[in-house]
Protein backbone atom coordinates (compact mmCIF):
# COMPACT_ATOMS: atom_id res chain seq x y z
CA MET A 1 25.75 62.97 39.65
CA THR A 2 25.68 64.97 36.44
CA ALA A 3 29.28 66.84 36.54
CA LEU A 4 32.83 66.71 37.85
CA ALA A 5 33.61 68.02 41.09
CA GLN A 6 36.88 70.13 40.94
CA SER A 7 39.09 70.06 43.90
CA SER A 8 42.37 71.85 44.49
CA ILE A 9 43.75 68.86 45.63
CA THR A 10 43.40 66.91 42.61
CA GLY A 11 43.55 69.30 40.20
CA PHE A 12 41.63 70.55 37.22
CA MET A 13 39.04 67.59 35.45
CA THR A 14 40.62 64.84 37.46
CA GLY A 15 37.17 63.38 38.11
CA LEU A 16 37.01 61.60 34.90
CA GLY A 17 38.18 58.20 36.11
CA GLN A 18 35.85 58.41 38.93
CA SER A 19 32.35 55.90 39.39
CA SER A 20 31.22 59.20 40.31
CA ALA A 21 31.35 60.87 37.28
CA GLY A 22 27.92 60.86 35.50
CA GLU A 23 27.82 60.42 31.36
CA HIS A 24 27.33 64.37 31.46
CA GLY A 25 30.07 65.28 33.30
CA LYS A 26 31.94 62.50 31.53
CA ARG A 27 31.04 64.38 28.32
CA ILE A 28 31.72 67.83 29.04
CA THR A 29 34.67 67.00 29.89
CA ARG A 30 35.81 65.11 26.69
CA ILE A 31 34.81 67.92 24.96
CA THR A 32 37.51 70.95 27.12
CA PHE A 33 40.14 68.15 26.42
CA ASP A 34 39.62 68.04 22.67
CA ALA A 35 38.87 71.51 23.02
CA LEU A 36 42.40 72.51 25.36
CA GLY A 37 44.10 69.79 22.80
CA PHE A 38 43.09 72.26 19.68
CA VAL A 39 44.30 75.48 21.30
CA LYS A 40 47.45 73.74 22.12
CA ALA A 41 48.46 71.90 19.14
CA GLY A 42 47.30 75.42 17.27
CA SER A 43 50.44 76.69 18.94
CA THR A 44 53.10 74.38 17.40
CA ALA A 45 52.72 72.00 15.41
CA GLY A 46 55.15 69.57 17.09
CA SER A 47 52.72 69.64 20.26
CA THR A 48 50.54 67.49 17.79
CA LEU A 49 52.69 65.16 17.71
CA VAL A 50 53.23 63.82 21.12
CA PHE A 51 49.36 64.26 21.47
CA ASN A 52 49.01 61.65 18.51
CA ASP A 53 52.04 59.65 20.39
CA LEU A 54 50.01 59.32 23.53
CA ILE A 55 46.84 58.05 21.60
CA ALA A 56 48.88 55.81 20.05
CA LEU A 57 50.19 54.34 23.05
CA ALA A 58 46.63 54.17 24.94
CA ASP A 59 45.77 51.82 21.14
CA GLU A 60 49.19 50.15 21.79
CA ALA A 61 47.47 49.14 25.24
CA GLY A 62 44.37 48.55 24.07
CA ILE A 63 42.99 51.21 26.45
CA ASP A 64 40.29 54.10 25.93
CA PRO A 65 42.61 57.24 26.98
CA ASN A 66 38.97 59.14 27.32
CA THR A 67 38.35 56.50 30.33
CA SER A 68 41.70 56.54 31.56
CA PRO A 69 42.97 57.83 34.90
CA ILE A 70 46.42 57.55 33.48
CA PHE A 71 46.10 58.73 30.11
CA ASN A 72 43.73 61.70 31.45
CA VAL A 73 46.14 62.38 33.73
CA ALA A 74 49.33 62.40 31.24
CA ARG A 75 46.98 64.60 28.69
CA ARG A 76 47.36 67.30 31.46
CA PHE A 77 50.52 67.37 31.82
CA LEU A 78 51.08 67.65 28.04
CA LEU A 79 48.84 70.45 28.65
CA ALA A 80 50.55 72.05 31.00
CA PHE A 81 54.01 72.15 29.06
CA PRO A 82 55.06 75.21 27.61
CA SER A 83 54.48 74.28 23.95
CA HIS A 84 58.28 75.65 22.85
CA LEU A 85 59.43 72.45 24.60
CA LEU A 86 56.71 69.87 22.79
CA VAL A 87 57.82 70.85 19.08
CA ALA A 88 59.88 68.40 17.12
CA GLY A 89 63.49 67.15 18.05
CA LEU A 90 62.22 68.75 22.17
CA ALA A 91 59.20 66.08 22.66
CA PRO A 92 59.47 63.35 24.56
CA GLU A 93 59.28 59.43 23.38
CA LEU A 94 56.01 58.13 25.13
CA ALA A 95 55.87 53.96 27.19
CA LEU A 96 53.87 52.57 29.06
CA ASP A 97 55.56 51.28 32.09
CA ASP A 98 54.53 47.80 33.39
CA ASP A 99 53.43 49.23 36.95
CA GLY A 100 50.80 51.10 34.97
CA GLU A 101 52.97 54.54 34.71
CA ILE A 102 53.58 56.62 31.57
CA VAL A 103 57.57 57.19 31.00
CA PHE A 104 58.42 60.24 28.90
CA ASP A 105 62.10 60.39 27.61
CA TRP A 106 64.12 62.78 26.68
CA ALA A 107 67.64 62.38 24.87
CA GLY A 108 69.56 65.27 24.53
CA SER A 109 73.24 65.55 22.81
CA GLY A 110 76.16 63.77 24.04
CA ASP A 111 75.11 61.66 27.28
CA ARG A 112 72.53 63.56 28.58
CA MET A 113 69.22 61.85 29.44
CA LEU A 114 65.81 62.74 31.39
CA THR A 115 63.22 60.02 32.46
CA VAL A 116 59.68 61.34 33.80
CA SER A 117 57.57 58.61 35.25
CA LEU A 118 53.97 59.81 36.00
CA SER A 119 51.37 58.12 37.95
CA ASP A 120 47.68 58.31 37.93
CA THR A 121 47.81 59.89 41.38
CA GLY A 122 50.09 62.78 39.99
CA LYS A 123 53.40 61.52 41.21
CA LEU A 124 56.04 62.26 39.19
CA SER A 125 59.84 60.37 39.99
CA TYR A 126 62.58 61.52 37.34
CA ALA A 127 66.18 61.13 36.62
CA ALA A 128 68.73 62.85 34.83
CA ARG A 129 71.98 62.61 33.04
CA LEU A 130 73.52 65.65 32.49
CA SER A 131 77.50 64.17 32.46
CA ALA A 132 79.00 61.41 33.71
CA TRP A 133 79.31 63.61 37.34
CA ASP A 134 76.02 65.75 36.75
CA LYS A 135 73.22 63.84 37.83
CA GLU A 136 69.56 64.29 39.76
CA HIS A 137 66.72 62.38 41.04
CA GLY A 138 63.97 62.57 43.00
CA THR A 139 60.01 62.75 43.07
CA LYS A 140 57.98 65.69 42.90
CA ARG A 141 53.97 65.94 42.51
CA PHE A 142 51.94 66.96 39.45
CA VAL A 143 48.63 69.13 39.81
CA ASP A 144 47.61 70.91 36.31
CA SER A 145 51.55 72.69 36.64
CA ILE A 146 55.00 71.40 36.11
CA PRO A 147 57.54 71.58 38.65
CA LYS A 148 60.24 74.19 38.10
CA PRO A 149 62.70 71.43 38.40
CA ILE A 150 61.65 69.46 35.75
CA LEU A 151 60.92 72.01 33.41
CA GLU A 152 64.49 73.09 34.19
CA LEU A 153 66.17 69.72 33.67
CA VAL A 154 64.22 69.39 30.46
CA GLN A 155 65.46 72.54 28.97
CA LYS A 156 69.39 71.48 30.22
CA VAL A 157 68.56 68.17 28.79
CA THR A 158 67.49 69.19 25.23
CA THR A 159 69.48 72.47 24.75
CA ASP A 160 72.73 72.33 23.00
CA VAL A 161 75.25 73.26 25.83
């Protein structure tokens, strides 16, 4: 196969990690990711930092981010995020969990925090603490758009009340 098949179930450019994706498909995907990253980075300087953090995380783990399914999903996740939520001071800290998921942590003022764990299948597990009495957690699916509850929690955690 020389191209990547797109699917409404699995999402945009999810075939890169598949063995059926030929070299041409992989090359097209890398070029597209680079172009989208360039466009996204041009919107705010802060969004560039979080993409750099993602690449640094892959380097630390000894993983090629261009061929890793989890790093491709994480890149799509960040590309789907509204740029104003990725500016310096609001961008998440990134970590690679022992189970292979990428973790996004947002810390707000006081005791507000949000942790979102992303799997290579698009499963989002999240837990938020907005105050000692106000906590939320759950599971959502990421398919090329950020679920509304997660966007709302990022805004609640990062916005000063």
